[in-house]
PDB file of N, CA and C in Angstrom:
ATOM      1  N   MET A   1      45.719  -8.902-158.477  1.00  0.00           N
ATOM      2  CA  MET A   1      44.428  -8.085-158.189  1.00  0.00           C
ATOM      3  C   MET A   1      44.439  -8.552-156.590  1.00  0.00           C
ATOM      4  N   GLN A   2      44.335  -7.950-155.670  1.00  0.00           N
ATOM      5  CA  GLN A   2      44.296  -8.152-153.923  1.00  0.00           C
ATOM      6  C   GLN A   2      43.145  -8.706-153.784  1.00  0.00           C
ATOM      7  N   THR A   3      43.248  -9.949-152.171  1.00  0.00           N
ATOM      8  CA  THR A   3      41.894 -10.765-152.068  1.00  0.00           C
ATOM      9  C   THR A   3      41.558  -9.754-151.228  1.00  0.00           C
ATOM     10  N   SER A   4      39.943  -9.393-150.746  1.00  0.00           N
ATOM     11  CA  SER A   4      39.668  -9.106-149.949  1.00  0.00           C
ATOM     12  C   SER A   4      39.669  -9.642-148.550  1.00  0.00           C
ATOM     13  N   ASP A   5      39.506  -8.736-147.673  1.00  0.00           N
ATOM     14  CA  ASP A   5      39.330 -10.012-146.115  1.00  0.00           C
ATOM     15  C   ASP A   5      38.179 -10.774-145.914  1.00  0.00           C
ATOM     16  N   SER A   6      36.863 -10.468-146.758  1.00  0.00           N
ATOM     17  CA  SER A   6      35.773 -11.535-146.811  1.00  0.00           C
ATOM     18  C   SER A   6      35.839 -12.285-147.721  1.00  0.00           C
ATOM     19  N   ASP A   7      36.686 -12.379-149.124  1.00  0.00           N
ATOM     20  CA  ASP A   7      37.242 -13.252-149.775  1.00  0.00           C
ATOM     21  C   ASP A   7      37.775 -14.011-149.030  1.00  0.00           C
ATOM     22  N   ARG A   8      38.960 -13.510-148.326  1.00  0.00           N
ATOM     23  CA  ARG A   8      39.729 -14.971-147.739  1.00  0.00           C
ATOM     24  C   ARG A   8      38.798 -15.140-147.159  1.00  0.00           C
ATOM     25  N   LEU A   9      38.491 -15.009-145.921  1.00  0.00           N
ATOM     26  CA  LEU A   9      37.043 -15.656-144.980  1.00  0.00           C
ATOM     27  C   LEU A   9      36.083 -16.379-146.080  1.00  0.00           C
ATOM     28  N   THR A  10      35.515 -16.495-147.242  1.00  0.00           N
ATOM     29  CA  THR A  10      34.631 -16.456-147.605  1.00  0.00           C
ATOM     30  C   THR A  10      35.549 -18.544-148.476  1.00  0.00           C
ATOM     31  N   ARG A  11      36.892 -17.610-148.778  1.00  0.00           N
ATOM     32  CA  ARG A  11      37.305 -19.503-149.067  1.00  0.00           C
ATOM     33  C   ARG A  11      38.033 -19.866-148.089  1.00  0.00           C
ATOM     34  N   LEU A  12      37.959 -19.481-147.303  1.00  0.00           N
ATOM     35  CA  LEU A  12      38.262 -20.330-145.608  1.00  0.00           C
ATOM     36  C   LEU A  12      37.154 -21.216-145.509  1.00  0.00           C
ATOM     37  N   LEU A  13      36.035 -20.456-145.381  1.00  0.00           N
ATOM     38  CA  LEU A  13      34.816 -21.061-145.288  1.00  0.00           C
ATOM     39  C   LEU A  13      34.778 -22.593-145.735  1.00  0.00           C
ATOM     40  N   ALA A  14      34.878 -22.264-147.051  1.00  0.00           N
ATOM     41  CA  ALA A  14      34.870 -23.335-148.422  1.00  0.00           C
ATOM     42  C   ALA A  14      35.634 -24.174-148.049  1.00  0.00           C
ATOM     43  N   LEU A  15      36.695 -23.823-147.715  1.00  0.00           N
ATOM     44  CA  LEU A  15      37.685 -25.474-147.122  1.00  0.00           C
ATOM     45  C   LEU A  15      37.283 -25.727-146.270  1.00  0.00           C
ATOM     46  N   HIS A  16      36.601 -25.180-145.142  1.00  0.00           N
ATOM     47  CA  HIS A  16      36.063 -25.733-144.194  1.00  0.00           C
ATOM     48  C   HIS A  16      35.416 -26.387-144.292  1.00  0.00           C
ATOM     49  N   ALA A  17      34.191 -26.272-145.373  1.00  0.00           N
ATOM     50  CA  ALA A  17      32.966 -27.113-145.075  1.00  0.00           C
ATOM     51  C   ALA A  17      33.631 -28.594-146.278  1.00  0.00           C
ATOM     52  N   ALA A  18      34.828 -28.492-146.898  1.00  0.00           N
ATOM     53  CA  ALA A  18      34.854 -29.238-147.428  1.00  0.00           C
ATOM     54  C   ALA A  18      36.349 -30.358-146.725  1.00  0.00           C
ATOM     55  N   GLU A  19      36.839 -29.803-145.212  1.00  0.00           N
ATOM     56  CA  GLU A  19      37.346 -30.708-144.711  1.00  0.00           C
ATOM     57  C   GLU A  19      37.347 -29.707-143.495  1.00  0.00           C
ATOM     58  N   PRO A  20      36.532 -30.151-142.564  1.00  0.00           N
ATOM     59  CA  PRO A  20      36.206 -29.747-141.327  1.00  0.00           C
ATOM     60  C   PRO A  20      36.579 -29.674-140.347  1.00  0.00           C
ATOM     61  N   GLY A  21      37.449 -31.184-140.515  1.00  0.00           N
ATOM     62  CA  GLY A  21      38.434 -31.503-139.404  1.00  0.00           C
ATOM     63  C   GLY A  21      39.637 -30.825-139.600  1.00  0.00           C
ATOM     64  N   ASP A  22      40.421 -30.313-140.558  1.00  0.00           N
ATOM     65  CA  ASP A  22      41.622 -29.859-140.894  1.00  0.00           C
ATOM     66  C   ASP A  22      42.410 -28.722-140.106  1.00  0.00           C
ATOM     67  N   GLY A  23      42.798 -28.963-139.214  1.00  0.00           N
ATOM     68  CA  GLY A  23      43.380 -28.432-138.265  1.00  0.00           C
ATOM     69  C   GLY A  23      44.002 -26.913-138.956  1.00  0.00           C
ATOM     70  N   PHE A  24      44.716 -26.801-139.908  1.00  0.00           N
ATOM     71  CA  PHE A  24      44.923 -25.743-140.705  1.00  0.00           C
ATOM     72  C   PHE A  24      44.463 -24.415-140.758  1.00  0.00           C
ATOM     73  N   VAL A  25      42.854 -25.838-141.233  1.00  0.00           N
ATOM     74  CA  VAL A  25      42.186 -24.338-141.999  1.00  0.00           C
ATOM     75  C   VAL A  25      41.697 -24.145-140.901  1.00  0.00           C
ATOM     76  N   LEU A  26      40.795 -24.471-139.921  1.00  0.00           N
ATOM     77  CA  LEU A  26      40.723 -24.033-138.419  1.00  0.00           C
ATOM     78  C   LEU A  26      41.279 -23.156-138.043  1.00  0.00           C
ATOM     79  N   TYR A  27      42.807 -22.926-138.323  1.00  0.00           N
ATOM     80  CA  TYR A  27      43.637 -21.739-137.535  1.00  0.00           C
ATOM     81  C   TYR A  27      43.572 -20.829-138.490  1.00  0.00           C
ATOM     82  N   GLY A  28      43.636 -21.261-139.305  1.00  0.00           N
ATOM     83  CA  GLY A  28      43.316 -19.980-140.701  1.00  0.00           C
ATOM     84  C   GLY A  28      42.108 -19.761-140.440  1.00  0.00           C
ATOM     85  N   LEU A  29      41.018 -19.646-140.007  1.00  0.00           N
ATOM     86  CA  LEU A  29      39.768 -19.138-140.352  1.00  0.00           C
ATOM     87  C   LEU A  29      39.938 -18.242-138.755  1.00  0.00           C
ATOM     88  N   ALA A  30      40.493 -19.062-137.771  1.00  0.00           N
ATOM     89  CA  ALA A  30      40.606 -18.211-136.559  1.00  0.00           C
ATOM     90  C   ALA A  30      41.512 -16.750-136.653  1.00  0.00           C
ATOM     91  N   GLN A  31      42.700 -17.110-137.470  1.00  0.00           N
ATOM     92  CA  GLN A  31      43.488 -16.120-138.003  1.00  0.00           C
ATOM     93  C   GLN A  31      42.653 -14.393-138.512  1.00  0.00           C
ATOM     94  N   GLU A  32      41.908 -15.356-139.729  1.00  0.00           N
ATOM     95  CA  GLU A  32      41.551 -14.541-140.034  1.00  0.00           C
ATOM     96  C   GLU A  32      40.482 -13.582-139.635  1.00  0.00           C
ATOM     97  N   CYS A  33      39.407 -14.448-138.761  1.00  0.00           N
ATOM     98  CA  CYS A  33      39.222 -13.535-137.640  1.00  0.00           C
ATOM     99  C   CYS A  33      39.270 -12.443-136.697  1.00  0.00           C
ATOM    100  N   GLN A  34      40.464 -12.625-136.026  1.00  0.00           N
ATOM    101  CA  GLN A  34      40.960 -11.927-135.588  1.00  0.00           C
ATOM    102  C   GLN A  34      41.548 -10.755-136.254  1.00  0.00           C
ATOM    103  N   LYS A  35      42.329 -11.304-137.554  1.00  0.00           N
ATOM    104  CA  LYS A  35      42.456 -10.113-138.527  1.00  0.00           C
ATOM    105  C   LYS A  35      40.840  -8.642-138.608  1.00  0.00           C
ATOM    106  N   LEU A  36      40.434  -9.525-139.025  1.00  0.00           N
ATOM    107  CA  LEU A  36      38.698  -8.809-138.967  1.00  0.00           C
ATOM    108  C   LEU A  36      38.129  -7.720-137.405  1.00  0.00           C
ATOM    109  N   GLY A  37      39.330  -8.321-136.586  1.00  0.00           N
ATOM    110  CA  GLY A  37      38.319  -7.922-135.153  1.00  0.00           C
ATOM    111  C   GLY A  37      37.702  -8.443-134.405  1.00  0.00           C
ATOM    112  N   ARG A  38      37.049  -9.912-135.093  1.00  0.00           N
ATOM    113  CA  ARG A  38      36.028 -10.640-134.834  1.00  0.00           C
ATOM    114  C   ARG A  38      36.631 -11.630-133.429  1.00  0.00           C
ATOM    115  N   THR A  39      37.144 -10.851-132.334  1.00  0.00           N
ATOM    116  CA  THR A  39      37.797 -11.580-131.595  1.00  0.00           C
ATOM    117  C   THR A  39      36.474 -12.945-130.800  1.00  0.00           C
ATOM    118  N   ASP A  40      35.824 -12.932-130.559  1.00  0.00           N
ATOM    119  CA  ASP A  40      34.914 -13.919-129.633  1.00  0.00           C
ATOM    120  C   ASP A  40      35.249 -15.156-130.780  1.00  0.00           C
ATOM    121  N   GLU A  41      34.762 -14.830-132.293  1.00  0.00           N
ATOM    122  CA  GLU A  41      34.498 -16.223-133.440  1.00  0.00           C
ATOM    123  C   GLU A  41      35.851 -16.360-133.320  1.00  0.00           C
ATOM    124  N   ALA A  42      37.269 -15.620-133.514  1.00  0.00           N
ATOM    125  CA  ALA A  42      38.717 -16.054-133.615  1.00  0.00           C
ATOM    126  C   ALA A  42      38.731 -16.954-132.266  1.00  0.00           C
ATOM    127  N   VAL A  43      38.128 -16.714-131.269  1.00  0.00           N
ATOM    128  CA  VAL A  43      38.396 -17.757-130.073  1.00  0.00           C
ATOM    129  C   VAL A  43      38.268 -18.985-129.788  1.00  0.00           C
ATOM    130  N   ALA A  44      36.642 -18.816-130.734  1.00  0.00           N
ATOM    131  CA  ALA A  44      35.883 -20.088-130.881  1.00  0.00           C
ATOM    132  C   ALA A  44      36.853 -20.668-132.251  1.00  0.00           C
ATOM    133  N   TRP A  45      36.914 -20.538-132.882  1.00  0.00           N
ATOM    134  CA  TRP A  45      37.951 -21.032-134.133  1.00  0.00           C
ATOM    135  C   TRP A  45      39.550 -21.826-133.856  1.00  0.00           C
ATOM    136  N   TYR A  46      39.810 -20.457-133.150  1.00  0.00           N
ATOM    137  CA  TYR A  46      41.121 -21.546-132.338  1.00  0.00           C
ATOM    138  C   TYR A  46      40.804 -22.442-131.034  1.00  0.00           C
ATOM    139  N   ASP A  47      39.858 -22.461-130.497  1.00  0.00           N
ATOM    140  CA  ASP A  47      39.484 -23.650-129.880  1.00  0.00           C
ATOM    141  C   ASP A  47      39.807 -25.091-130.994  1.00  0.00           C
ATOM    142  N   ARG A  48      38.810 -24.635-131.828  1.00  0.00           N
ATOM    143  CA  ARG A  48      37.961 -25.699-132.491  1.00  0.00           C
ATOM    144  C   ARG A  48      39.571 -26.547-133.005  1.00  0.00           C
ATOM    145  N   ALA A  49      40.673 -25.666-133.461  1.00  0.00           N
ATOM    146  CA  ALA A  49      41.985 -26.278-134.260  1.00  0.00           C
ATOM    147  C   ALA A  49      42.921 -26.777-133.038  1.00  0.00           C
ATOM    148  N   ILE A  50      42.530 -25.896-131.830  1.00  0.00           N
ATOM    149  CA  ILE A  50      43.562 -27.072-131.231  1.00  0.00           C
ATOM    150  C   ILE A  50      42.943 -28.603-130.848  1.00  0.00           C
ATOM    151  N   GLU A  51      41.478 -28.722-130.461  1.00  0.00           N
ATOM    152  CA  GLU A  51      41.111 -29.959-130.715  1.00  0.00           C
ATOM    153  C   GLU A  51      40.795 -30.767-131.666  1.00  0.00           C
ATOM    154  N   ALA A  52      41.173 -30.298-133.004  1.00  0.00           N
ATOM    155  CA  ALA A  52      41.109 -31.160-134.379  1.00  0.00           C
ATOM    156  C   ALA A  52      42.972 -30.836-134.316  1.00  0.00           C
ATOM    157  N   ASP A  53      43.787 -30.655-133.621  1.00  0.00           N
ATOM    158  CA  ASP A  53      45.265 -30.468-134.636  1.00  0.00           C
ATOM    159  C   ASP A  53      46.087 -30.356-133.216  1.00  0.00           C
ATOM    160  N   PRO A  54      46.761 -31.577-132.422  1.00  0.00           N
ATOM    161  CA  PRO A  54      47.191 -31.500-131.237  1.00  0.00           C
ATOM    162  C   PRO A  54      48.692 -31.180-131.223  1.00  0.00           C
ATOM    163  N   LYS A  55      48.820 -30.656-132.698  1.00  0.00           N
ATOM    164  CA  LYS A  55      50.502 -30.011-133.005  1.00  0.00           C
ATOM    165  C   LYS A  55      49.698 -28.383-133.295  1.00  0.00           C
ATOM    166  N   GLN A  56      49.032 -28.004-133.673  1.00  0.00           N
ATOM    167  CA  GLN A  56      48.627 -27.020-133.223  1.00  0.00           C
ATOM    168  C   GLN A  56      48.677 -25.445-132.379  1.00  0.00           C
ATOM    169  N   CYS A  57      50.281 -25.688-131.760  1.00  0.00           N
ATOM    170  CA  CYS A  57      50.545 -25.072-130.632  1.00  0.00           C
ATOM    171  C   CYS A  57      50.627 -23.523-130.889  1.00  0.00           C
ATOM    172  N   TYR A  58      50.737 -22.986-132.019  1.00  0.00           N
ATOM    173  CA  TYR A  58      50.642 -20.998-132.155  1.00  0.00           C
ATOM    174  C   TYR A  58      48.867 -21.374-131.487  1.00  0.00           C
ATOM    175  N   ALA A  59      47.966 -22.385-132.056  1.00  0.00           N
ATOM    176  CA  ALA A  59      46.480 -21.205-131.756  1.00  0.00           C
ATOM    177  C   ALA A  59      46.365 -21.127-130.008  1.00  0.00           C
ATOM    178  N   PHE A  60      47.111 -21.742-129.013  1.00  0.00           N
ATOM    179  CA  PHE A  60      47.166 -21.467-128.038  1.00  0.00           C
ATOM    180  C   PHE A  60      47.927 -19.552-127.551  1.00  0.00           C
ATOM    181  N   PHE A  61      49.025 -19.285-128.664  1.00  0.00           N
ATOM    182  CA  PHE A  61      49.255 -18.051-128.591  1.00  0.00           C
ATOM    183  C   PHE A  61      48.259 -17.228-128.824  1.00  0.00           C
ATOM    184  N   HIS A  62      48.300 -17.416-130.175  1.00  0.00           N
ATOM    185  CA  HIS A  62      46.952 -16.440-130.640  1.00  0.00           C
ATOM    186  C   HIS A  62      45.940 -16.579-130.071  1.00  0.00           C
ATOM    187  N   LYS A  63      45.079 -17.879-129.374  1.00  0.00           N
ATOM    188  CA  LYS A  63      43.941 -17.314-128.905  1.00  0.00           C
ATOM    189  C   LYS A  63      44.336 -16.741-127.552  1.00  0.00           C
ATOM    190  N   ALA A  64      45.682 -16.635-126.931  1.00  0.00           N
ATOM    191  CA  ALA A  64      45.573 -15.925-125.379  1.00  0.00           C
ATOM    192  C   ALA A  64      45.655 -14.369-126.516  1.00  0.00           C
ATOM    193  N   LYS A  65      46.052 -14.468-127.442  1.00  0.00           N
ATOM    194  CA  LYS A  65      46.169 -12.583-127.903  1.00  0.00           C
ATOM    195  C   LYS A  65      44.679 -11.989-128.586  1.00  0.00           C
ATOM    196  N   ALA A  66      43.959 -12.633-128.679  1.00  0.00           N
ATOM    197  CA  ALA A  66      42.768 -12.699-128.990  1.00  0.00           C
ATOM    198  C   ALA A  66      41.874 -12.351-127.624  1.00  0.00           C
ATOM    199  N   LEU A  67      42.014 -13.277-126.529  1.00  0.00           N
ATOM    200  CA  LEU A  67      42.010 -13.194-125.312  1.00  0.00           C
ATOM    201  C   LEU A  67      41.981 -11.482-124.645  1.00  0.00           C
ATOM    202  N   GLU A  68      43.069 -11.425-125.133  1.00  0.00           N
ATOM    203  CA  GLU A  68      43.976 -10.480-124.961  1.00  0.00           C
ATOM    204  C   GLU A  68      42.867  -8.572-125.334  1.00  0.00           C
ATOM    205  N   ALA A  69      43.154  -9.037-126.542  1.00  0.00           N
ATOM    206  CA  ALA A  69      42.405  -7.701-127.640  1.00  0.00           C
ATOM    207  C   ALA A  69      40.656  -7.583-126.787  1.00  0.00           C
ATOM    208  N   ALA A  70      40.201  -8.999-126.226  1.00  0.00           N
ATOM    209  CA  ALA A  70      38.837  -8.898-126.131  1.00  0.00           C
ATOM    210  C   ALA A  70      38.817  -8.059-124.511  1.00  0.00           C
ATOM    211  N   ARG A  71      39.836  -8.675-123.517  1.00  0.00           N
ATOM    212  CA  ARG A  71      39.341  -7.784-122.416  1.00  0.00           C
ATOM    213  C   ARG A  71      39.427  -8.428-121.741  1.00  0.00           C
ATOM    214  N   ARG A  72      39.756 -10.413-121.957  1.00  0.00           N
ATOM    215  CA  ARG A  72      39.260 -11.280-121.214  1.00  0.00           C
ATOM    216  C   ARG A  72      40.327 -12.139-120.891  1.00  0.00           C
ATOM    217  N   THR A  73      41.193 -11.190-119.675  1.00  0.00           N
ATOM    218  CA  THR A  73      42.619 -11.042-119.480  1.00  0.00           C
ATOM    219  C   THR A  73      42.320 -12.308-118.390  1.00  0.00           C
ATOM    220  N   THR A  74      41.359 -12.723-117.678  1.00  0.00           N
ATOM    221  CA  THR A  74      41.152 -14.108-116.838  1.00  0.00           C
ATOM    222  C   THR A  74      41.826 -15.324-117.498  1.00  0.00           C
ATOM    223  N   GLU A  75      41.350 -15.258-118.578  1.00  0.00           N
ATOM    224  CA  GLU A  75      41.660 -16.400-119.640  1.00  0.00           C
ATOM    225  C   GLU A  75      42.624 -16.933-119.886  1.00  0.00           C
ATOM    226  N   ILE A  76      43.873 -15.614-120.196  1.00  0.00           N
ATOM    227  CA  ILE A  76      44.784 -15.450-120.881  1.00  0.00           C
ATOM    228  C   ILE A  76      46.385 -16.136-119.967  1.00  0.00           C
ATOM    229  N   VAL A  77      46.536 -16.770-118.990  1.00  0.00           N
ATOM    230  CA  VAL A  77      47.429 -17.425-118.348  1.00  0.00           C
ATOM    231  C   VAL A  77      47.201 -18.625-118.342  1.00  0.00           C
ATOM    232  N   PRO A  78      45.857 -19.111-117.792  1.00  0.00           N
ATOM    233  CA  PRO A  78      45.373 -20.876-118.413  1.00  0.00           C
ATOM    234  C   PRO A  78      45.851 -21.236-119.697  1.00  0.00           C
ATOM    235  N   VAL A  79      45.375 -20.332-120.632  1.00  0.00           N
ATOM    236  CA  VAL A  79      45.399 -20.730-122.436  1.00  0.00           C
ATOM    237  C   VAL A  79      46.825 -21.325-122.055  1.00  0.00           C
ATOM    238  N   LEU A  80      47.417 -19.966-122.150  1.00  0.00           N
ATOM    239  CA  LEU A  80      49.070 -19.834-121.965  1.00  0.00           C
ATOM    240  C   LEU A  80      50.285 -20.744-121.721  1.00  0.00           C
ATOM    241  N   ARG A  81      49.652 -21.814-120.420  1.00  0.00           N
ATOM    242  CA  ARG A  81      49.890 -22.691-119.705  1.00  0.00           C
ATOM    243  C   ARG A  81      49.578 -23.933-120.458  1.00  0.00           C
ATOM    244  N   ALA A  82      48.205 -24.199-120.765  1.00  0.00           N
ATOM    245  CA  ALA A  82      48.266 -25.641-121.861  1.00  0.00           C
ATOM    246  C   ALA A  82      48.914 -25.804-123.148  1.00  0.00           C
ATOM    247  N   GLY A  83      49.009 -24.139-123.509  1.00  0.00           N
ATOM    248  CA  GLY A  83      49.569 -24.408-124.855  1.00  0.00           C
ATOM    249  C   GLY A  83      51.166 -24.529-124.814  1.00  0.00           C
ATOM    250  N   LEU A  84      51.750 -24.146-123.710  1.00  0.00           N
ATOM    251  CA  LEU A  84      53.189 -24.106-123.352  1.00  0.00           C
ATOM    252  C   LEU A  84      53.408 -25.506-122.612  1.00  0.00           C
ATOM    253  N   ALA A  85      52.316 -26.411-122.649  1.00  0.00           N
ATOM    254  CA  ALA A  85      52.418 -28.066-121.927  1.00  0.00           C
ATOM    255  C   ALA A  85      52.219 -28.718-123.845  1.00  0.00           C
ATOM    256  N   ARG A  86      51.153 -28.165-124.056  1.00  0.00           N
ATOM    257  CA  ARG A  86      51.160 -29.030-125.629  1.00  0.00           C
ATOM    258  C   ARG A  86      52.485 -29.131-126.879  1.00  0.00           C
ATOM    259  N   ALA A  87      52.754 -27.705-126.470  1.00  0.00           N
ATOM    260  CA  ALA A  87      53.928 -26.960-127.099  1.00  0.00           C
ATOM    261  C   ALA A  87      55.217 -28.407-126.725  1.00  0.00           C
ATOM    262  N   ARG A  88      55.642 -28.652-125.374  1.00  0.00           N
ATOM    263  CA  ARG A  88      56.337 -29.283-124.992  1.00  0.00           C
ATOM    264  C   ARG A  88      56.324 -30.868-125.588  1.00  0.00           C
ATOM    265  N   ALA A  89      54.812 -31.548-125.667  1.00  0.00           N
ATOM    266  CA  ALA A  89      54.503 -32.547-125.265  1.00  0.00           C
ATOM    267  C   ALA A  89      54.822 -33.000-126.898  1.00  0.00           C
ATOM    268  N   VAL A  90      54.464 -32.082-127.758  1.00  0.00           N
ATOM    269  CA  VAL A  90      55.121 -32.186-128.867  1.00  0.00           C
ATOM    270  C   VAL A  90      56.216 -32.106-129.558  1.00  0.00           C
ATOM    271  N   GLY A  91      56.985 -31.809-128.675  1.00  0.00           N
ATOM    272  CA  GLY A  91      58.517 -31.433-129.597  1.00  0.00           C
ATOM    273  C   GLY A  91      58.423 -30.362-130.577  1.00  0.00           C
ATOM    274  N   ASP A  92      57.759 -28.936-129.716  1.00  0.00           N
ATOM    275  CA  ASP A  92      57.779 -27.530-130.486  1.00  0.00           C
ATOM    276  C   ASP A  92      58.431 -26.577-129.961  1.00  0.00           C
ATOM    277  N   MET A  93      59.862 -26.922-129.616  1.00  0.00           N
ATOM    278  CA  MET A  93      60.212 -25.807-128.864  1.00  0.00           C
ATOM    279  C   MET A  93      60.280 -24.308-128.993  1.00  0.00           C
ATOM    280  N   LYS A  94      59.921 -24.421-130.576  1.00  0.00           N
ATOM    281  CA  LYS A  94      60.005 -22.571-130.826  1.00  0.00           C
ATOM    282  C   LYS A  94      58.650 -22.429-130.789  1.00  0.00           C
ATOM    283  N   ALA A  95      57.078 -23.271-130.433  1.00  0.00           N
ATOM    284  CA  ALA A  95      56.055 -22.112-130.109  1.00  0.00           C
ATOM    285  C   ALA A  95      56.325 -22.382-128.453  1.00  0.00           C
ATOM    286  N   ALA A  96      57.119 -23.396-127.898  1.00  0.00           N
ATOM    287  CA  ALA A  96      57.637 -23.192-126.366  1.00  0.00           C
ATOM    288  C   ALA A  96      57.891 -22.124-125.939  1.00  0.00           C
ATOM    289  N   SER A  97      58.817 -21.850-126.707  1.00  0.00           N
ATOM    290  CA  SER A  97      60.149 -20.455-126.094  1.00  0.00           C
ATOM    291  C   SER A  97      58.969 -19.743-126.624  1.00  0.00           C
ATOM    292  N   GLU A  98      57.993 -19.359-127.762  1.00  0.00           N
ATOM    293  CA  GLU A  98      57.500 -18.172-127.715  1.00  0.00           C
ATOM    294  C   GLU A  98      56.171 -17.650-126.978  1.00  0.00           C
ATOM    295  N   ILE A  99      55.387 -18.779-126.495  1.00  0.00           N
ATOM    296  CA  ILE A  99      54.447 -18.875-125.375  1.00  0.00           C
ATOM    297  C   ILE A  99      54.935 -18.921-124.155  1.00  0.00           C
ATOM    298  N   GLN A 100      56.086 -19.341-123.694  1.00  0.00           N
ATOM    299  CA  GLN A 100      56.725 -18.739-122.597  1.00  0.00           C
ATOM    300  C   GLN A 100      57.134 -17.244-122.245  1.00  0.00           C
ATOM    301  N   GLY A 101      57.439 -16.512-123.028  1.00  0.00           N
ATOM    302  CA  GLY A 101      57.905 -15.448-123.400  1.00  0.00           C
ATOM    303  C   GLY A 101      56.758 -14.538-123.284  1.00  0.00           C
ATOM    304  N   TYR A 102      55.413 -14.889-123.949  1.00  0.00           N
ATOM    305  CA  TYR A 102      54.511 -14.483-123.957  1.00  0.00           C
ATOM    306  C   TYR A 102      53.742 -14.557-121.844  1.00  0.00           C
ATOM    307  N   LEU A 103      54.011 -15.266-122.140  1.00  0.00           N
ATOM    308  CA  LEU A 103      53.681 -15.887-120.284  1.00  0.00           C
ATOM    309  C   LEU A 103      54.837 -15.111-119.353  1.00  0.00           C
ATOM    310  N   ASP A 104      56.233 -15.039-119.399  1.00  0.00           N
ATOM    311  CA  ASP A 104      57.159 -14.249-118.460  1.00  0.00           C
ATOM    312  C   ASP A 104      56.525 -13.034-118.660  1.00  0.00           C
ATOM    313  N   GLU A 105      55.825 -12.542-120.252  1.00  0.00           N
ATOM    314  CA  GLU A 105      55.028 -10.756-120.082  1.00  0.00           C
ATOM    315  C   GLU A 105      54.374 -10.443-119.368  1.00  0.00           C
ATOM    316  N   ILE A 106      53.038 -11.403-119.228  1.00  0.00           N
ATOM    317  CA  ILE A 106      52.022 -11.048-118.582  1.00  0.00           C
ATOM    318  C   ILE A 106      51.873 -11.765-117.305  1.00  0.00           C
ATOM    319  N   GLU A 107      52.953 -12.361-116.505  1.00  0.00           N
ATOM    320  CA  GLU A 107      52.303 -12.830-115.202  1.00  0.00           C
ATOM    321  C   GLU A 107      53.328 -12.011-114.152  1.00  0.00           C
TER     322      GLU A 107
END
């Protein structure tokens, strides 16, 4: 049986209610909102994930993708630069490489 988008969102919201500071759940909520085309909500959830968990480097990458989808292009480069700095600071070289690649594409 497949899980509908609304079921996944409902389950993630329930997990969030139980663990409001869990960066992985916050990231999951952002991803689900982005998948549903709710980009402004996605950006807000990515911000919360970034704040809650310093190791959520991919939240910067996907936040930039959500901003791009929302045509908020002036915000993308600063987000990617912050993500690159965070990824390097926590030693996540894979994330740093992917963020750098995206930054190179748009600069």
